[in-house]
PDB file of N, CA and C in Angstrom:
ATOM      1  N   UNK A   1    -186.915 -12.325  65.896  1.00  0.00           N
ATOM      2  CA  UNK A   1    -186.502 -13.693  66.127  1.00  0.00           C
ATOM      3  C   UNK A   1    -187.672 -14.537  66.641  1.00  0.00           C
ATOM      4  N   UNK A   2    -188.561 -13.918  67.391  1.00  0.00           N
ATOM      5  CA  UNK A   2    -189.744 -14.617  67.924  1.00  0.00           C
ATOM      6  C   UNK A   2    -190.612 -15.159  66.811  1.00  0.00           C
ATOM      7  N   UNK A   3    -190.829 -14.355  65.742  1.00  0.00           N
ATOM      8  CA  UNK A   3    -191.665 -14.788  64.596  1.00  0.00           C
ATOM      9  C   UNK A   3    -191.078 -15.988  63.899  1.00  0.00           C
ATOM     10  N   UNK A   4    -189.784 -16.024  63.743  1.00  0.00           N
ATOM     11  CA  UNK A   4    -189.106 -17.130  63.066  1.00  0.00           C
ATOM     12  C   UNK A   4    -189.235 -18.390  63.882  1.00  0.00           C
ATOM     13  N   UNK A   5    -189.140 -18.288  65.198  1.00  0.00           N
ATOM     14  CA  UNK A   5    -189.263 -19.417  66.088  1.00  0.00           C
ATOM     15  C   UNK A   5    -190.668 -19.997  66.001  1.00  0.00           C
ATOM     16  N   UNK A   6    -191.692 -19.143  65.911  1.00  0.00           N
ATOM     17  CA  UNK A   6    -193.084 -19.554  65.794  1.00  0.00           C
ATOM     18  C   UNK A   6    -193.311 -20.273  64.469  1.00  0.00           C
ATOM     19  N   UNK A   7    -192.711 -19.754  63.414  1.00  0.00           N
ATOM     20  CA  UNK A   7    -192.888 -20.332  62.086  1.00  0.00           C
ATOM     21  C   UNK A   7    -192.241 -21.725  62.068  1.00  0.00           C
ATOM     22  N   UNK A   8    -191.048 -21.869  62.660  1.00  0.00           N
ATOM     23  CA  UNK A   8    -190.401 -23.157  62.709  1.00  0.00           C
ATOM     24  C   UNK A   8    -191.220 -24.153  63.503  1.00  0.00           C
ATOM     25  N   UNK A   9    -191.743 -23.713  64.625  1.00  0.00           N
ATOM     26  CA  UNK A   9    -192.574 -24.578  65.461  1.00  0.00           C
ATOM     27  C   UNK A   9    -193.842 -24.997  64.695  1.00  0.00           C
ATOM     28  N   UNK A  10    -194.451 -24.068  63.942  1.00  0.00           N
ATOM     29  CA  UNK A  10    -195.625 -24.395  63.156  1.00  0.00           C
ATOM     30  C   UNK A  10    -195.298 -25.441  62.064  1.00  0.00           C
ATOM     31  N   UNK A  11    -194.145 -25.271  61.434  1.00  0.00           N
ATOM     32  CA  UNK A  11    -193.733 -26.226  60.391  1.00  0.00           C
ATOM     33  C   UNK A  11    -193.465 -27.598  60.994  1.00  0.00           C
ATOM     34  N   UNK A  12    -192.860 -27.632  62.172  1.00  0.00           N
ATOM     35  CA  UNK A  12    -192.589 -28.911  62.822  1.00  0.00           C
ATOM     36  C   UNK A  12    -193.906 -29.604  63.203  1.00  0.00           C
ATOM     37  N   UNK A  13    -194.896 -28.852  63.645  1.00  0.00           N
ATOM     38  CA  UNK A  13    -196.152 -29.409  63.967  1.00  0.00           C
ATOM     39  C   UNK A  13    -196.836 -30.003  62.750  1.00  0.00           C
ATOM     40  N   UNK A  14    -196.812 -29.240  61.663  1.00  0.00           N
ATOM     41  CA  UNK A  14    -197.412 -29.718  60.388  1.00  0.00           C
ATOM     42  C   UNK A  14    -196.697 -30.969  59.927  1.00  0.00           C
ATOM     43  N   UNK A  15    -195.388 -30.998  60.019  1.00  0.00           N
ATOM     44  CA  UNK A  15    -194.631 -32.137  59.586  1.00  0.00           C
ATOM     45  C   UNK A  15    -194.982 -33.381  60.423  1.00  0.00           C
ATOM     46  N   UNK A  16    -195.156 -33.195  61.723  1.00  0.00           N
ATOM     47  CA  UNK A  16    -195.508 -34.338  62.584  1.00  0.00           C
ATOM     48  C   UNK A  16    -196.889 -34.894  62.207  1.00  0.00           C
ATOM     49  N   UNK A  17    -197.844 -34.024  61.889  1.00  0.00           N
ATOM     50  CA  UNK A  17    -199.158 -34.493  61.468  1.00  0.00           C
ATOM     51  C   UNK A  17    -199.069 -35.172  60.109  1.00  0.00           C
ATOM     52  N   UNK A  18    -198.282 -34.663  59.199  1.00  0.00           N
ATOM     53  CA  UNK A  18    -198.115 -35.272  57.909  1.00  0.00           C
ATOM     54  C   UNK A  18    -197.470 -36.666  58.022  1.00  0.00           C
ATOM     55  N   UNK A  19    -196.486 -36.791  58.879  1.00  0.00           N
ATOM     56  CA  UNK A  19    -195.863 -38.074  59.090  1.00  0.00           C
ATOM     57  C   UNK A  19    -196.851 -39.095  59.648  1.00  0.00           C
ATOM     58  N   UNK A  20    -197.667 -38.657  60.571  1.00  0.00           N
ATOM     59  CA  UNK A  20    -198.680 -39.559  61.143  1.00  0.00           C
ATOM     60  C   UNK A  20    -199.713 -39.961  60.083  1.00  0.00           C
ATOM     61  N   UNK A  21    -200.094 -39.034  59.238  1.00  0.00           N
ATOM     62  CA  UNK A  21    -201.033 -39.319  58.191  1.00  0.00           C
ATOM     63  C   UNK A  21    -200.453 -40.276  57.178  1.00  0.00           C
ATOM     64  N   UNK A  22    -199.196 -40.086  56.793  1.00  0.00           N
ATOM     65  CA  UNK A  22    -198.525 -40.991  55.873  1.00  0.00           C
ATOM     66  C   UNK A  22    -198.419 -42.383  56.456  1.00  0.00           C
ATOM     67  N   UNK A  23    -198.102 -42.508  57.725  1.00  0.00           N
ATOM     68  CA  UNK A  23    -198.052 -43.826  58.363  1.00  0.00           C
ATOM     69  C   UNK A  23    -199.411 -44.502  58.332  1.00  0.00           C
ATOM     70  N   UNK A  24    -200.448 -43.776  58.617  1.00  0.00           N
ATOM     71  CA  UNK A  24    -201.809 -44.332  58.589  1.00  0.00           C
ATOM     72  C   UNK A  24    -202.193 -44.817  57.205  1.00  0.00           C
ATOM     73  N   UNK A  25    -201.896 -43.969  56.210  1.00  0.00           N
ATOM     74  CA  UNK A  25    -202.199 -44.326  54.821  1.00  0.00           C
ATOM     75  C   UNK A  25    -201.394 -45.544  54.371  1.00  0.00           C
ATOM     76  N   UNK A  26    -200.136 -45.598  54.791  1.00  0.00           N
ATOM     77  CA  UNK A  26    -199.297 -46.717  54.445  1.00  0.00           C
ATOM     78  C   UNK A  26    -199.853 -48.014  55.035  1.00  0.00           C
ATOM     79  N   UNK A  27    -200.279 -47.959  56.265  1.00  0.00           N
ATOM     80  CA  UNK A  27    -200.874 -49.128  56.877  1.00  0.00           C
ATOM     81  C   UNK A  27    -202.129 -49.573  56.198  1.00  0.00           C
ATOM     82  N   UNK A  28    -202.943 -48.620  55.764  1.00  0.00           N
ATOM     83  CA  UNK A  28    -204.176 -48.907  55.050  1.00  0.00           C
ATOM     84  C   UNK A  28    -203.878 -49.553  53.693  1.00  0.00           C
ATOM     85  N   UNK A  29    -202.865 -49.029  53.002  1.00  0.00           N
ATOM     86  CA  UNK A  29    -202.492 -49.611  51.730  1.00  0.00           C
ATOM     87  C   UNK A  29    -202.012 -51.051  51.906  1.00  0.00           C
ATOM     88  N   UNK A  30    -201.229 -51.299  52.915  1.00  0.00           N
ATOM     89  CA  UNK A  30    -200.752 -52.655  53.182  1.00  0.00           C
ATOM     90  C   UNK A  30    -201.936 -53.588  53.464  1.00  0.00           C
ATOM     91  N   UNK A  31    -202.879 -53.147  54.270  1.00  0.00           N
ATOM     92  CA  UNK A  31    -204.068 -53.959  54.555  1.00  0.00           C
ATOM     93  C   UNK A  31    -204.884 -54.246  53.300  1.00  0.00           C
ATOM     94  N   UNK A  32    -205.046 -53.212  52.448  1.00  0.00           N
ATOM     95  CA  UNK A  32    -205.814 -53.394  51.222  1.00  0.00           C
ATOM     96  C   UNK A  32    -205.081 -54.323  50.236  1.00  0.00           C
ATOM     97  N   UNK A  33    -203.787 -54.264  50.212  1.00  0.00           N
ATOM     98  CA  UNK A  33    -203.020 -55.189  49.355  1.00  0.00           C
ATOM     99  C   UNK A  33    -203.215 -56.641  49.785  1.00  0.00           C
ATOM    100  N   UNK A  34    -203.263 -56.850  51.084  1.00  0.00           N
ATOM    101  CA  UNK A  34    -203.504 -58.198  51.592  1.00  0.00           C
ATOM    102  C   UNK A  34    -204.868 -58.686  51.171  1.00  0.00           C
ATOM    103  N   UNK A  35    -205.868 -57.805  51.269  1.00  0.00           N
ATOM    104  CA  UNK A  35    -207.241 -58.155  50.898  1.00  0.00           C
ATOM    105  C   UNK A  35    -207.329 -58.482  49.397  1.00  0.00           C
ATOM    106  N   UNK A  36    -206.704 -57.657  48.584  1.00  0.00           N
ATOM    107  CA  UNK A  36    -206.717 -57.868  47.101  1.00  0.00           C
ATOM    108  C   UNK A  36    -206.012 -59.194  46.779  1.00  0.00           C
ATOM    109  N   UNK A  37    -204.886 -59.452  47.392  1.00  0.00           N
ATOM    110  CA  UNK A  37    -204.154 -60.701  47.131  1.00  0.00           C
ATOM    111  C   UNK A  37    -205.010 -61.904  47.480  1.00  0.00           C
ATOM    112  N   UNK A  38    -205.712 -61.868  48.614  1.00  0.00           N
ATOM    113  CA  UNK A  38    -206.590 -62.969  49.012  1.00  0.00           C
ATOM    114  C   UNK A  38    -207.747 -63.098  48.055  1.00  0.00           C
ATOM    115  N   UNK A  39    -208.319 -62.002  47.588  1.00  0.00           N
ATOM    116  CA  UNK A  39    -209.413 -62.085  46.632  1.00  0.00           C
ATOM    117  C   UNK A  39    -208.933 -62.640  45.280  1.00  0.00           C
ATOM    118  N   UNK A  40    -207.775 -62.255  44.867  1.00  0.00           N
ATOM    119  CA  UNK A  40    -207.228 -62.797  43.611  1.00  0.00           C
ATOM    120  C   UNK A  40    -207.032 -64.302  43.701  1.00  0.00           C
ATOM    121  N   UNK A  41    -206.516 -64.758  44.863  1.00  0.00           N
ATOM    122  CA  UNK A  41    -206.319 -66.170  45.054  1.00  0.00           C
ATOM    123  C   UNK A  41    -207.664 -66.912  45.045  1.00  0.00           C
ATOM    124  N   UNK A  42    -208.658 -66.371  45.729  1.00  0.00           N
ATOM    125  CA  UNK A  42    -209.977 -67.008  45.765  1.00  0.00           C
ATOM    126  C   UNK A  42    -210.614 -67.035  44.377  1.00  0.00           C
ATOM    127  N   UNK A  43    -210.427 -65.919  43.642  1.00  0.00           N
ATOM    128  CA  UNK A  43    -211.013 -65.884  42.289  1.00  0.00           C
ATOM    129  C   UNK A  43    -210.336 -66.912  41.383  1.00  0.00           C
ATOM    130  N   UNK A  44    -209.059 -67.073  41.533  1.00  0.00           N
ATOM    131  CA  UNK A  44    -208.340 -68.064  40.731  1.00  0.00           C
ATOM    132  C   UNK A  44    -208.815 -69.492  41.066  1.00  0.00           C
ATOM    133  N   UNK A  45    -209.100 -69.727  42.337  1.00  0.00           N
ATOM    134  CA  UNK A  45    -209.651 -71.050  42.743  1.00  0.00           C
ATOM    135  C   UNK A  45    -211.018 -71.275  42.067  1.00  0.00           C
ATOM    136  N   UNK A  46    -211.835 -70.269  42.074  1.00  0.00           N
ATOM    137  CA  UNK A  46    -213.166 -70.369  41.440  1.00  0.00           C
ATOM    138  C   UNK A  46    -213.051 -70.626  39.939  1.00  0.00           C
ATOM    139  N   UNK A  47    -212.165 -69.884  39.294  1.00  0.00           N
ATOM    140  CA  UNK A  47    -211.973 -70.074  37.865  1.00  0.00           C
ATOM    141  C   UNK A  47    -211.492 -71.492  37.561  1.00  0.00           C
ATOM    142  N   UNK A  48    -210.563 -71.971  38.353  1.00  0.00           N
ATOM    143  CA  UNK A  48    -210.068 -73.325  38.137  1.00  0.00           C
ATOM    144  C   UNK A  48    -211.160 -74.371  38.372  1.00  0.00           C
ATOM    145  N   UNK A  49    -211.998 -74.174  39.373  1.00  0.00           N
ATOM    146  CA  UNK A  49    -213.094 -75.129  39.605  1.00  0.00           C
ATOM    147  C   UNK A  49    -214.104 -75.086  38.486  1.00  0.00           C
ATOM    148  N   UNK A  50    -214.405 -73.896  37.956  1.00  0.00           N
ATOM    149  CA  UNK A  50    -215.360 -73.786  36.849  1.00  0.00           C
ATOM    150  C   UNK A  50    -214.820 -74.451  35.595  1.00  0.00           C
ATOM    151  N   UNK A  51    -213.541 -74.277  35.358  1.00  0.00           N
ATOM    152  CA  UNK A  51    -212.909 -74.916  34.194  1.00  0.00           C
ATOM    153  C   UNK A  51    -212.954 -76.449  34.310  1.00  0.00           C
ATOM    154  N   UNK A  52    -212.792 -76.921  35.512  1.00  0.00           N
ATOM    155  CA  UNK A  52    -212.826 -78.383  35.715  1.00  0.00           C
ATOM    156  C   UNK A  52    -214.213 -78.922  35.582  1.00  0.00           C
ATOM    157  N   UNK A  53    -215.220 -78.174  35.970  1.00  0.00           N
ATOM    158  CA  UNK A  53    -216.612 -78.652  35.956  1.00  0.00           C
ATOM    159  C   UNK A  53    -217.192 -78.596  34.543  1.00  0.00           C
ATOM    160  N   UNK A  54    -217.060 -77.465  33.865  1.00  0.00           N
ATOM    161  CA  UNK A  54    -217.728 -77.285  32.594  1.00  0.00           C
ATOM    162  C   UNK A  54    -216.723 -77.408  31.451  1.00  0.00           C
ATOM    163  N   UNK A  55    -216.997 -78.281  30.508  1.00  0.00           N
ATOM    164  CA  UNK A  55    -216.106 -78.365  29.363  1.00  0.00           C
ATOM    165  C   UNK A  55    -216.239 -77.131  28.484  1.00  0.00           C
ATOM    166  N   UNK A  56    -215.287 -76.915  27.649  1.00  0.00           N
ATOM    167  CA  UNK A  56    -215.303 -75.762  26.786  1.00  0.00           C
ATOM    168  C   UNK A  56    -216.469 -75.820  25.827  1.00  0.00           C
ATOM    169  N   UNK A  57    -217.135 -74.680  25.636  1.00  0.00           N
ATOM    170  CA  UNK A  57    -218.265 -74.579  24.684  1.00  0.00           C
ATOM    171  C   UNK A  57    -217.771 -74.418  23.233  1.00  0.00           C
ATOM    172  N   UNK A  58    -216.512 -74.231  23.086  1.00  0.00           N
ATOM    173  CA  UNK A  58    -215.966 -74.021  21.730  1.00  0.00           C
ATOM    174  C   UNK A  58    -215.477 -75.333  21.174  1.00  0.00           C
ATOM    175  N   UNK A  59    -215.997 -75.719  20.059  1.00  0.00           N
ATOM    176  CA  UNK A  59    -215.615 -76.986  19.419  1.00  0.00           C
ATOM    177  C   UNK A  59    -214.227 -76.855  18.837  1.00  0.00           C
ATOM    178  N   UNK A  60    -213.509 -77.971  18.829  1.00  0.00           N
ATOM    179  CA  UNK A  60    -212.218 -77.950  18.179  1.00  0.00           C
ATOM    180  C   UNK A  60    -212.393 -77.841  16.656  1.00  0.00           C
ATOM    181  N   UNK A  61    -211.338 -77.534  16.000  1.00  0.00           N
ATOM    182  CA  UNK A  61    -211.420 -77.286  14.518  1.00  0.00           C
ATOM    183  C   UNK A  61    -211.875 -78.603  13.822  1.00  0.00           C
ATOM    184  N   UNK A  62    -211.495 -79.744  14.324  1.00  0.00           N
ATOM    185  CA  UNK A  62    -211.901 -81.012  13.669  1.00  0.00           C
ATOM    186  C   UNK A  62    -213.392 -81.324  13.897  1.00  0.00           C
ATOM    187  N   UNK A  63    -213.935 -80.841  15.011  1.00  0.00           N
ATOM    188  CA  UNK A  63    -215.342 -81.078  15.304  1.00  0.00           C
ATOM    189  C   UNK A  63    -216.255 -80.051  14.699  1.00  0.00           C
ATOM    190  N   UNK A  64    -215.731 -78.946  14.252  1.00  0.00           N
ATOM    191  CA  UNK A  64    -216.521 -77.853  13.730  1.00  0.00           C
ATOM    192  C   UNK A  64    -217.173 -78.241  12.378  1.00  0.00           C
ATOM    193  N   UNK A  65    -218.470 -78.069  12.247  1.00  0.00           N
ATOM    194  CA  UNK A  65    -219.139 -78.325  10.986  1.00  0.00           C
ATOM    195  C   UNK A  65    -218.921 -77.158  10.033  1.00  0.00           C
ATOM    196  N   UNK A  66    -218.825 -77.430   8.768  1.00  0.00           N
ATOM    197  CA  UNK A  66    -218.632 -76.312   7.827  1.00  0.00           C
ATOM    198  C   UNK A  66    -219.860 -75.447   7.734  1.00  0.00           C
ATOM    199  N   UNK A  67    -219.711 -74.191   7.416  1.00  0.00           N
ATOM    200  CA  UNK A  67    -220.882 -73.318   7.287  1.00  0.00           C
ATOM    201  C   UNK A  67    -221.799 -73.786   6.149  1.00  0.00           C
ATOM    202  N   UNK A  68    -223.083 -73.436   6.198  1.00  0.00           N
ATOM    203  CA  UNK A  68    -224.057 -73.931   5.236  1.00  0.00           C
ATOM    204  C   UNK A  68    -223.759 -73.528   3.758  1.00  0.00           C
ATOM    205  N   UNK A  69    -223.015 -72.512   3.520  1.00  0.00           N
ATOM    206  CA  UNK A  69    -222.791 -72.102   2.119  1.00  0.00           C
ATOM    207  C   UNK A  69    -221.692 -72.922   1.449  1.00  0.00           C
ATOM    208  N   UNK A  70    -221.118 -73.898   2.110  1.00  0.00           N
ATOM    209  CA  UNK A  70    -220.077 -74.756   1.468  1.00  0.00           C
ATOM    210  C   UNK A  70    -220.705 -75.906   0.783  1.00  0.00           C
TER     211      UNK A  70
END
C-alpha cells in the first residue's frame, strides 16, 4: 500500500508542475497574440499610407500602349 501511495503522490506532483507550465505557456501565447495583433494593425497603417502616397505603377488598360509587334 505504501508504494501505491508514493506513486499517487508522484503523479499529483507531476500534474501540479504540468498545470503550472500550461498556465505559463497560456499567458505567453496571450501576450504574443497581443503583440501580433498590434503589429498587424501597424503594418496595415503603413500599407495604407504607402498606397496614399505613391500612385499605382500599373497603367490602366486604356493608358496601356500596344506592344511593338502590332
